[in-house]
């Protein structure tokens, strides 16, 4: 699972591989509760949103491989 959003003035979705907590909230994503996002941000806890039922994805996420969307302090890398 990758988070998608529409850039301002666009009608097409953009996939996010890496996004900051602040941008996540600003764009109105509802994949996580705002309280949970704030807790992770304040405690510098990175979050990975991915398809848990996809075979191998849990192992990939635990090993640090790119799977889904990384949410952290630094934000987008793409």
C-alpha atoms as a PDB file:
ATOM      1  CA  UNK A   1       0.000   0.000   0.000  1.00  0.00           C
ATOM      2  CA  UNK A   2       1.325   3.391  -0.973  1.00  0.00           C
ATOM      3  CA  UNK A   3      -0.302   6.669   0.007  1.00  0.00           C
ATOM      4  CA  UNK A   4      -1.685   8.684  -2.893  1.00  0.00           C
ATOM      5  CA  UNK A   5      -2.607  12.358  -3.075  1.00  0.00           C
ATOM      6  CA  UNK A   6      -3.477  14.976  -5.649  1.00  0.00           C
ATOM      7  CA  UNK A   7      -1.123  17.927  -6.092  1.00  0.00           C
ATOM      8  CA  UNK A   8      -2.902  21.326  -5.981  1.00  0.00           C
ATOM      9  CA  UNK A   9      -4.543  22.078  -9.325  1.00  0.00           C
ATOM     10  CA  UNK A  10      -4.209  18.486 -10.523  1.00  0.00           C
ATOM     11  CA  UNK A  11      -6.749  15.712 -10.962  1.00  0.00           C
ATOM     12  CA  UNK A  12      -4.224  12.866 -11.037  1.00  0.00           C
ATOM     13  CA  UNK A  13      -2.916  10.933  -8.046  1.00  0.00           C
ATOM     14  CA  UNK A  14       0.718  11.027  -6.983  1.00  0.00           C
ATOM     15  CA  UNK A  15       2.251   8.093  -5.098  1.00  0.00           C
ATOM     16  CA  UNK A  16       4.244   8.929  -1.981  1.00  0.00           C
ATOM     17  CA  UNK A  17       7.139   6.651  -1.047  1.00  0.00           C
ATOM     18  CA  UNK A  18       8.306   9.080   1.656  1.00  0.00           C
ATOM     19  CA  UNK A  19       6.329  11.862   3.358  1.00  0.00           C
ATOM     20  CA  UNK A  20       6.706  13.924   6.533  1.00  0.00           C
ATOM     21  CA  UNK A  21       4.200  13.881   9.392  1.00  0.00           C
ATOM     22  CA  UNK A  22       3.420  17.559   8.771  1.00  0.00           C
ATOM     23  CA  UNK A  23       2.732  17.064   5.062  1.00  0.00           C
ATOM     24  CA  UNK A  24       0.597  14.009   5.852  1.00  0.00           C
ATOM     25  CA  UNK A  25      -1.633  16.099   8.140  1.00  0.00           C
ATOM     26  CA  UNK A  26      -1.617  19.123   5.799  1.00  0.00           C
ATOM     27  CA  UNK A  27      -2.811  16.973   2.892  1.00  0.00           C
ATOM     28  CA  UNK A  28      -5.641  15.549   5.021  1.00  0.00           C
ATOM     29  CA  UNK A  29      -4.712  11.875   4.767  1.00  0.00           C
ATOM     30  CA  UNK A  30      -6.932   9.812   7.055  1.00  0.00           C
ATOM     31  CA  UNK A  31      -4.896   6.599   7.095  1.00  0.00           C
ATOM     32  CA  UNK A  32      -3.907   7.367  10.693  1.00  0.00           C
ATOM     33  CA  UNK A  33      -5.504   9.190  13.593  1.00  0.00           C
ATOM     34  CA  UNK A  34      -4.042  12.700  14.054  1.00  0.00           C
ATOM     35  CA  UNK A  35      -3.253  11.879  17.702  1.00  0.00           C
ATOM     36  CA  UNK A  36      -1.249   8.821  16.626  1.00  0.00           C
ATOM     37  CA  UNK A  37       0.604  10.867  13.993  1.00  0.00           C
ATOM     38  CA  UNK A  38       1.435  13.552  16.569  1.00  0.00           C
ATOM     39  CA  UNK A  39       2.652  10.935  19.071  1.00  0.00           C
ATOM     40  CA  UNK A  40       4.946   9.358  16.459  1.00  0.00           C
ATOM     41  CA  UNK A  41       6.258  12.768  15.379  1.00  0.00           C
ATOM     42  CA  UNK A  42       6.959  13.943  18.940  1.00  0.00           C
ATOM     43  CA  UNK A  43       8.754  10.688  19.771  1.00  0.00           C
ATOM     44  CA  UNK A  44      10.589  10.441  16.425  1.00  0.00           C
ATOM     45  CA  UNK A  45       8.950   7.088  15.577  1.00  0.00           C
ATOM     46  CA  UNK A  46       8.992   6.369  11.827  1.00  0.00           C
ATOM     47  CA  UNK A  47       5.873   4.710  10.400  1.00  0.00           C
ATOM     48  CA  UNK A  48       5.614   2.485   7.339  1.00  0.00           C
ATOM     49  CA  UNK A  49       2.191   2.072   5.700  1.00  0.00           C
ATOM     50  CA  UNK A  50       2.078  -1.049   3.529  1.00  0.00           C
ATOM     51  CA  UNK A  51      -0.121  -3.962   2.410  1.00  0.00           C
ATOM     52  CA  UNK A  52       0.301  -6.322   5.334  1.00  0.00           C
ATOM     53  CA  UNK A  53      -1.296  -9.289   3.547  1.00  0.00           C
ATOM     54  CA  UNK A  54       1.075  -9.081   0.548  1.00  0.00           C
ATOM     55  CA  UNK A  55       3.441 -12.065   0.929  1.00  0.00           C
ATOM     56  CA  UNK A  56       6.904 -10.969   2.083  1.00  0.00           C
ATOM     57  CA  UNK A  57       5.965  -7.360   2.896  1.00  0.00           C
ATOM     58  CA  UNK A  58       6.309  -7.698   6.673  1.00  0.00           C
ATOM     59  CA  UNK A  59       9.818  -9.140   6.324  1.00  0.00           C
ATOM     60  CA  UNK A  60      10.758  -6.421   3.826  1.00  0.00           C
ATOM     61  CA  UNK A  61       9.516  -3.667   6.147  1.00  0.00           C
ATOM     62  CA  UNK A  62      11.368  -5.146   9.140  1.00  0.00           C
ATOM     63  CA  UNK A  63      14.583  -5.364   7.109  1.00  0.00           C
ATOM     64  CA  UNK A  64      14.305  -1.716   6.049  1.00  0.00           C
ATOM     65  CA  UNK A  65      13.508  -2.420   2.399  1.00  0.00           C
ATOM     66  CA  UNK A  66      11.296   0.044   0.513  1.00  0.00           C
ATOM     67  CA  UNK A  67       7.733  -1.189   0.832  1.00  0.00           C
ATOM     68  CA  UNK A  68       4.718   1.100   0.988  1.00  0.00           C
ATOM     69  CA  UNK A  69       5.093   4.650   2.293  1.00  0.00           C
ATOM     70  CA  UNK A  70       7.593   5.845   4.917  1.00  0.00           C
ATOM     71  CA  UNK A  71       6.285   8.589   7.215  1.00  0.00           C
ATOM     72  CA  UNK A  72       8.914  10.415   9.293  1.00  0.00           C
ATOM     73  CA  UNK A  73      10.396  13.815  10.187  1.00  0.00           C
ATOM     74  CA  UNK A  74      12.345  14.378   6.977  1.00  0.00           C
ATOM     75  CA  UNK A  75       9.569  13.965   4.419  1.00  0.00           C
ATOM     76  CA  UNK A  76       9.530  13.133   0.748  1.00  0.00           C
ATOM     77  CA  UNK A  77      12.532  11.947  -1.162  1.00  0.00           C
ATOM     78  CA  UNK A  78      10.819  11.645  -4.567  1.00  0.00           C
END
